[in-house]
Amino acid sequence: MRKHPDIEQKVEDALRSIDGLQPAEAPPHLYTRIRAGLEKPVESNWSWIASVLSKPSVALALSIILIAVNAWIILGNQRNLTDDKNDRVAALAQEYHFDHPYPLEQNVPQP
């Protein structure tokens, strides 16, 4: 049944071979180098973007641009609404033949 009759002997030899081993010693400053590497901040693109945007001059400039764009959009929409309202009033006046704003002015004699 056994394919390797001397398997126990090989196991004993392997175990005896590690008897004389001693633990490895690390270089003197290895631990401090590892800690310094772990504590070193990782620079990423997001940290660079955050540092640029957190400057007061950049934040103020972007805020002014944002407010200007919002004002431009709002005022542009109000002009369009006023134009639409005037167009609807003009169409209504034309449909009902409101050429003169006051009815008394319609019968003014012409010289």
N, C-alpha and C. Protein backbone atom coordinates (compact mmCIF):
# COMPACT_ATOMS: atom_id res chain seq x y z
N MET A 1 0.81 -1.18 0.00
CA MET A 1 0.00 0.00 0.00
C MET A 1 0.86 1.25 0.00
N ARG A 2 1.98 1.17 0.60
CA ARG A 2 2.86 2.33 0.65
C ARG A 2 3.65 2.42 -0.64
N LYS A 3 3.63 3.63 -1.21
CA LYS A 3 4.41 3.82 -2.42
C LYS A 3 5.83 4.25 -2.06
N HIS A 4 5.95 4.98 -0.95
CA HIS A 4 7.25 5.45 -0.50
C HIS A 4 7.52 4.85 0.87
N PRO A 5 8.28 3.82 0.93
CA PRO A 5 8.51 3.19 2.22
C PRO A 5 9.34 4.03 3.17
N ASP A 6 10.15 4.93 2.64
CA ASP A 6 11.00 5.72 3.51
C ASP A 6 10.46 7.15 3.69
N ILE A 7 9.14 7.34 3.60
CA ILE A 7 8.54 8.68 3.75
C ILE A 7 8.74 9.24 5.14
N GLU A 8 8.67 8.38 6.14
CA GLU A 8 8.87 8.84 7.51
C GLU A 8 10.30 9.31 7.72
N GLN A 9 11.22 8.64 7.08
CA GLN A 9 12.62 9.04 7.18
C GLN A 9 12.83 10.42 6.53
N LYS A 10 12.17 10.67 5.40
CA LYS A 10 12.29 11.96 4.71
C LYS A 10 11.68 13.08 5.55
N VAL A 11 10.58 12.80 6.23
CA VAL A 11 9.96 13.80 7.09
C VAL A 11 10.88 14.13 8.26
N GLU A 12 11.48 13.13 8.86
CA GLU A 12 12.40 13.35 9.98
C GLU A 12 13.61 14.15 9.52
N ASP A 13 14.12 13.85 8.34
CA ASP A 13 15.28 14.60 7.82
C ASP A 13 14.91 16.06 7.60
N ALA A 14 13.71 16.32 7.09
CA ALA A 14 13.27 17.70 6.84
C ALA A 14 13.12 18.46 8.14
N LEU A 15 12.56 17.82 9.16
CA LEU A 15 12.39 18.48 10.45
C LEU A 15 13.73 18.74 11.13
N ARG A 16 14.68 17.81 10.99
CA ARG A 16 16.00 18.02 11.58
C ARG A 16 16.78 19.11 10.85
N SER A 17 16.49 19.31 9.59
CA SER A 17 17.24 20.32 8.83
C SER A 17 16.90 21.73 9.29
N ILE A 18 15.72 21.93 9.86
CA ILE A 18 15.37 23.27 10.32
C ILE A 18 15.71 23.50 11.79
N ASP A 19 16.27 22.50 12.44
CA ASP A 19 16.64 22.65 13.85
C ASP A 19 17.73 23.69 14.05
N GLY A 20 18.65 23.79 13.14
CA GLY A 20 19.78 24.69 13.32
C GLY A 20 19.52 26.10 12.81
N LEU A 21 18.35 26.38 12.34
CA LEU A 21 18.07 27.72 11.80
C LEU A 21 17.91 28.73 12.91
N GLN A 22 18.37 29.92 12.64
CA GLN A 22 18.21 31.02 13.59
C GLN A 22 17.36 32.10 12.93
N PRO A 23 16.64 32.89 13.72
CA PRO A 23 15.80 33.93 13.12
C PRO A 23 16.65 34.99 12.42
N ALA A 24 16.12 35.51 11.34
CA ALA A 24 16.83 36.54 10.58
C ALA A 24 16.78 37.86 11.34
N GLU A 25 17.83 38.62 11.22
CA GLU A 25 17.88 39.92 11.88
C GLU A 25 17.71 41.01 10.83
N ALA A 26 16.90 41.99 11.17
CA ALA A 26 16.65 43.11 10.26
C ALA A 26 17.73 44.16 10.41
N PRO A 27 17.97 44.94 9.35
CA PRO A 27 18.91 46.06 9.48
C PRO A 27 18.43 47.02 10.56
N PRO A 28 19.33 47.81 11.12
CA PRO A 28 18.99 48.64 12.29
C PRO A 28 17.85 49.64 12.06
N HIS A 29 17.75 50.25 10.91
CA HIS A 29 16.75 51.30 10.70
C HIS A 29 15.58 50.86 9.82
N LEU A 30 15.37 49.57 9.70
CA LEU A 30 14.30 49.07 8.83
C LEU A 30 12.92 49.51 9.33
N TYR A 31 12.67 49.40 10.61
CA TYR A 31 11.36 49.75 11.16
C TYR A 31 11.06 51.23 10.93
N THR A 32 12.04 52.10 11.15
CA THR A 32 11.79 53.54 10.95
C THR A 32 11.55 53.86 9.49
N ARG A 33 12.22 53.19 8.58
CA ARG A 33 11.98 53.41 7.15
C ARG A 33 10.58 52.96 6.74
N ILE A 34 10.16 51.83 7.28
CA ILE A 34 8.81 51.33 6.97
C ILE A 34 7.75 52.30 7.49
N ARG A 35 7.92 52.78 8.73
CA ARG A 35 6.96 53.73 9.31
C ARG A 35 6.93 55.03 8.51
N ALA A 36 8.09 55.51 8.09
CA ALA A 36 8.14 56.75 7.30
C ALA A 36 7.43 56.57 5.97
N GLY A 37 7.59 55.41 5.36
CA GLY A 37 6.90 55.14 4.09
C GLY A 37 5.39 55.06 4.26
N LEU A 38 4.94 54.49 5.38
CA LEU A 38 3.51 54.38 5.63
C LEU A 38 2.88 55.72 5.98
N GLU A 39 3.62 56.58 6.67
CA GLU A 39 3.08 57.87 7.08
C GLU A 39 3.22 58.95 6.02
N LYS A 40 3.95 58.68 4.96
CA LYS A 40 4.13 59.66 3.90
C LYS A 40 2.80 59.87 3.19
N PRO A 41 2.37 61.13 3.04
CA PRO A 41 1.08 61.37 2.37
C PRO A 41 1.17 61.03 0.88
N VAL A 42 0.11 60.44 0.39
CA VAL A 42 0.05 60.07 -1.02
C VAL A 42 -0.54 61.24 -1.80
N GLU A 43 0.21 61.73 -2.77
CA GLU A 43 -0.27 62.83 -3.60
C GLU A 43 -1.08 62.26 -4.76
N SER A 44 -2.30 62.72 -4.89
CA SER A 44 -3.14 62.28 -6.00
C SER A 44 -3.64 63.51 -6.75
N ASN A 45 -4.31 63.27 -7.86
CA ASN A 45 -4.86 64.38 -8.65
C ASN A 45 -5.91 65.14 -7.84
N TRP A 46 -6.68 64.43 -7.05
CA TRP A 46 -7.74 65.08 -6.29
C TRP A 46 -7.17 66.00 -5.22
N SER A 47 -6.08 65.61 -4.61
CA SER A 47 -5.49 66.49 -3.60
C SER A 47 -4.92 67.74 -4.25
N TRP A 48 -4.38 67.62 -5.45
CA TRP A 48 -3.87 68.80 -6.16
C TRP A 48 -5.02 69.73 -6.52
N ILE A 49 -6.13 69.18 -7.03
CA ILE A 49 -7.29 70.00 -7.38
C ILE A 49 -7.85 70.69 -6.14
N ALA A 50 -7.93 69.96 -5.04
CA ALA A 50 -8.44 70.55 -3.80
C ALA A 50 -7.53 71.67 -3.31
N SER A 51 -6.23 71.49 -3.44
CA SER A 51 -5.32 72.55 -2.98
C SER A 51 -5.43 73.79 -3.84
N VAL A 52 -5.65 73.62 -5.14
CA VAL A 52 -5.80 74.79 -6.03
C VAL A 52 -7.12 75.49 -5.75
N LEU A 53 -8.20 74.73 -5.61
CA LEU A 53 -9.52 75.34 -5.41
C LEU A 53 -9.67 75.96 -4.03
N SER A 54 -8.85 75.55 -3.07
CA SER A 54 -8.98 76.10 -1.73
C SER A 54 -8.27 77.44 -1.56
N LYS A 55 -7.56 77.87 -2.58
CA LYS A 55 -6.92 79.19 -2.51
C LYS A 55 -8.00 80.26 -2.61
N PRO A 56 -7.94 81.29 -1.78
CA PRO A 56 -9.00 82.31 -1.77
C PRO A 56 -9.17 83.02 -3.11
N SER A 57 -8.10 83.29 -3.81
CA SER A 57 -8.22 84.00 -5.09
C SER A 57 -8.95 83.15 -6.12
N VAL A 58 -8.65 81.87 -6.18
CA VAL A 58 -9.31 80.98 -7.13
C VAL A 58 -10.77 80.80 -6.75
N ALA A 59 -11.04 80.62 -5.47
CA ALA A 59 -12.42 80.44 -5.01
C ALA A 59 -13.25 81.68 -5.30
N LEU A 60 -12.69 82.87 -5.08
CA LEU A 60 -13.41 84.11 -5.34
C LEU A 60 -13.66 84.28 -6.84
N ALA A 61 -12.67 83.99 -7.66
CA ALA A 61 -12.84 84.12 -9.11
C ALA A 61 -13.90 83.16 -9.62
N LEU A 62 -13.89 81.92 -9.17
CA LEU A 62 -14.89 80.95 -9.60
C LEU A 62 -16.29 81.34 -9.12
N SER A 63 -16.38 81.91 -7.92
CA SER A 63 -17.68 82.36 -7.41
C SER A 63 -18.23 83.50 -8.26
N ILE A 64 -17.38 84.45 -8.62
CA ILE A 64 -17.82 85.57 -9.46
C ILE A 64 -18.26 85.07 -10.83
N ILE A 65 -17.52 84.15 -11.40
CA ILE A 65 -17.90 83.59 -12.71
C ILE A 65 -19.23 82.88 -12.60
N LEU A 66 -19.43 82.10 -11.55
CA LEU A 66 -20.68 81.37 -11.37
C LEU A 66 -21.86 82.32 -11.22
N ILE A 67 -21.70 83.38 -10.43
CA ILE A 67 -22.78 84.36 -10.25
C ILE A 67 -23.06 85.09 -11.56
N ALA A 68 -22.02 85.43 -12.32
CA ALA A 68 -22.22 86.12 -13.59
C ALA A 68 -22.96 85.24 -14.59
N VAL A 69 -22.62 83.98 -14.66
CA VAL A 69 -23.31 83.06 -15.58
C VAL A 69 -24.77 82.91 -15.16
N ASN A 70 -25.03 82.78 -13.87
CA ASN A 70 -26.42 82.67 -13.40
C ASN A 70 -27.22 83.92 -13.72
N ALA A 71 -26.63 85.10 -13.51
CA ALA A 71 -27.32 86.35 -13.81
C ALA A 71 -27.60 86.47 -15.30
N TRP A 72 -26.63 86.08 -16.11
CA TRP A 72 -26.81 86.14 -17.57
C TRP A 72 -27.96 85.23 -18.01
N ILE A 73 -28.03 84.04 -17.45
CA ILE A 73 -29.10 83.10 -17.81
C ILE A 73 -30.45 83.63 -17.35
N ILE A 74 -30.53 84.13 -16.12
CA ILE A 74 -31.80 84.62 -15.58
C ILE A 74 -32.28 85.83 -16.36
N LEU A 75 -31.40 86.79 -16.62
CA LEU A 75 -31.80 87.99 -17.36
C LEU A 75 -32.15 87.67 -18.80
N GLY A 76 -31.47 86.72 -19.39
CA GLY A 76 -31.80 86.30 -20.75
C GLY A 76 -33.18 85.67 -20.82
N ASN A 77 -33.54 84.88 -19.82
CA ASN A 77 -34.86 84.27 -19.79
C ASN A 77 -35.95 85.31 -19.56
N GLN A 78 -35.68 86.34 -18.77
CA GLN A 78 -36.69 87.38 -18.53
C GLN A 78 -36.95 88.18 -19.80
N ARG A 79 -35.93 88.45 -20.58
CA ARG A 79 -36.13 89.16 -21.85
C ARG A 79 -36.98 88.34 -22.80
N ASN A 80 -36.73 87.04 -22.84
CA ASN A 80 -37.53 86.18 -23.70
C ASN A 80 -38.97 86.15 -23.24
N LEU A 81 -39.20 86.12 -21.92
CA LEU A 81 -40.57 86.12 -21.41
C LEU A 81 -41.27 87.42 -21.75
N THR A 82 -40.56 88.55 -21.65
CA THR A 82 -41.15 89.85 -21.99
C THR A 82 -41.48 89.92 -23.47
N ASP A 83 -40.59 89.42 -24.30
CA ASP A 83 -40.84 89.41 -25.74
C ASP A 83 -42.03 88.53 -26.07
N ASP A 84 -42.15 87.38 -25.43
CA ASP A 84 -43.29 86.49 -25.66
C ASP A 84 -44.59 87.16 -25.23
N LYS A 85 -44.56 87.87 -24.11
CA LYS A 85 -45.76 88.55 -23.61
C LYS A 85 -46.16 89.65 -24.59
N ASN A 86 -45.20 90.43 -25.07
CA ASN A 86 -45.51 91.49 -26.04
C ASN A 86 -46.04 90.91 -27.34
N ASP A 87 -45.50 89.80 -27.78
CA ASP A 87 -45.98 89.16 -29.00
C ASP A 87 -47.41 88.68 -28.83
N ARG A 88 -47.74 88.13 -27.68
CA ARG A 88 -49.11 87.66 -27.45
C ARG A 88 -50.09 88.83 -27.40
N VAL A 89 -49.69 89.94 -26.76
CA VAL A 89 -50.56 91.12 -26.69
C VAL A 89 -50.76 91.70 -28.09
N ALA A 90 -49.70 91.76 -28.87
CA ALA A 90 -49.81 92.28 -30.23
C ALA A 90 -50.70 91.39 -31.09
N ALA A 91 -50.59 90.09 -30.94
CA ALA A 91 -51.43 89.17 -31.70
C ALA A 91 -52.89 89.32 -31.29
N LEU A 92 -53.15 89.50 -30.02
CA LEU A 92 -54.51 89.69 -29.54
C LEU A 92 -55.08 91.01 -30.06
N ALA A 93 -54.28 92.07 -30.03
CA ALA A 93 -54.74 93.37 -30.53
C ALA A 93 -55.02 93.31 -32.02
N GLN A 94 -54.21 92.60 -32.74
CA GLN A 94 -54.42 92.49 -34.18
C GLN A 94 -55.66 91.66 -34.48
N GLU A 95 -55.89 90.63 -33.69
CA GLU A 95 -57.05 89.77 -33.91
C GLU A 95 -58.35 90.52 -33.65
N TYR A 96 -58.38 91.36 -32.63
CA TYR A 96 -59.61 92.07 -32.28
C TYR A 96 -59.60 93.52 -32.79
N HIS A 97 -58.68 93.87 -33.65
CA HIS A 97 -58.59 95.18 -34.29
C HIS A 97 -58.51 96.31 -33.27
N PHE A 98 -57.61 96.16 -32.32
CA PHE A 98 -57.37 97.22 -31.34
C PHE A 98 -56.24 98.11 -31.86
N ASP A 99 -56.56 98.90 -32.85
CA ASP A 99 -55.53 99.76 -33.43
C ASP A 99 -55.27 100.97 -32.56
N HIS A 100 -56.31 101.49 -31.91
CA HIS A 100 -56.16 102.67 -31.07
C HIS A 100 -56.38 102.27 -29.62
N PRO A 101 -55.56 102.80 -28.73
CA PRO A 101 -55.71 102.40 -27.33
C PRO A 101 -56.98 102.95 -26.69
N TYR A 102 -57.51 104.11 -27.18
CA TYR A 102 -58.70 104.70 -26.59
C TYR A 102 -59.78 104.82 -27.66
N PRO A 103 -61.01 104.45 -27.36
CA PRO A 103 -62.07 104.52 -28.38
C PRO A 103 -62.38 105.96 -28.81
N LEU A 104 -62.17 106.96 -27.97
CA LEU A 104 -62.48 108.34 -28.34
C LEU A 104 -61.54 108.87 -29.41
N GLU A 105 -60.37 108.32 -29.49
CA GLU A 105 -59.41 108.78 -30.49
C GLU A 105 -59.73 108.26 -31.88
N GLN A 106 -60.65 107.34 -32.01
CA GLN A 106 -60.95 106.77 -33.32
C GLN A 106 -61.70 107.77 -34.20
N ASN A 107 -62.51 108.65 -33.65
CA ASN A 107 -63.33 109.57 -34.44
C ASN A 107 -62.78 110.99 -34.45
N VAL A 108 -61.51 111.14 -34.35
CA VAL A 108 -60.90 112.47 -34.38
C VAL A 108 -60.92 112.95 -35.83
N PRO A 109 -61.50 114.15 -36.08
CA PRO A 109 -61.55 114.64 -37.47
C PRO A 109 -60.15 114.99 -37.98
N GLN A 110 -59.94 114.63 -39.19
CA GLN A 110 -58.66 114.90 -39.83
C GLN A 110 -58.80 116.17 -40.66
N PRO A 111 -57.88 117.13 -40.64
CA PRO A 111 -58.02 118.35 -41.45
C PRO A 111 -57.74 118.12 -42.91
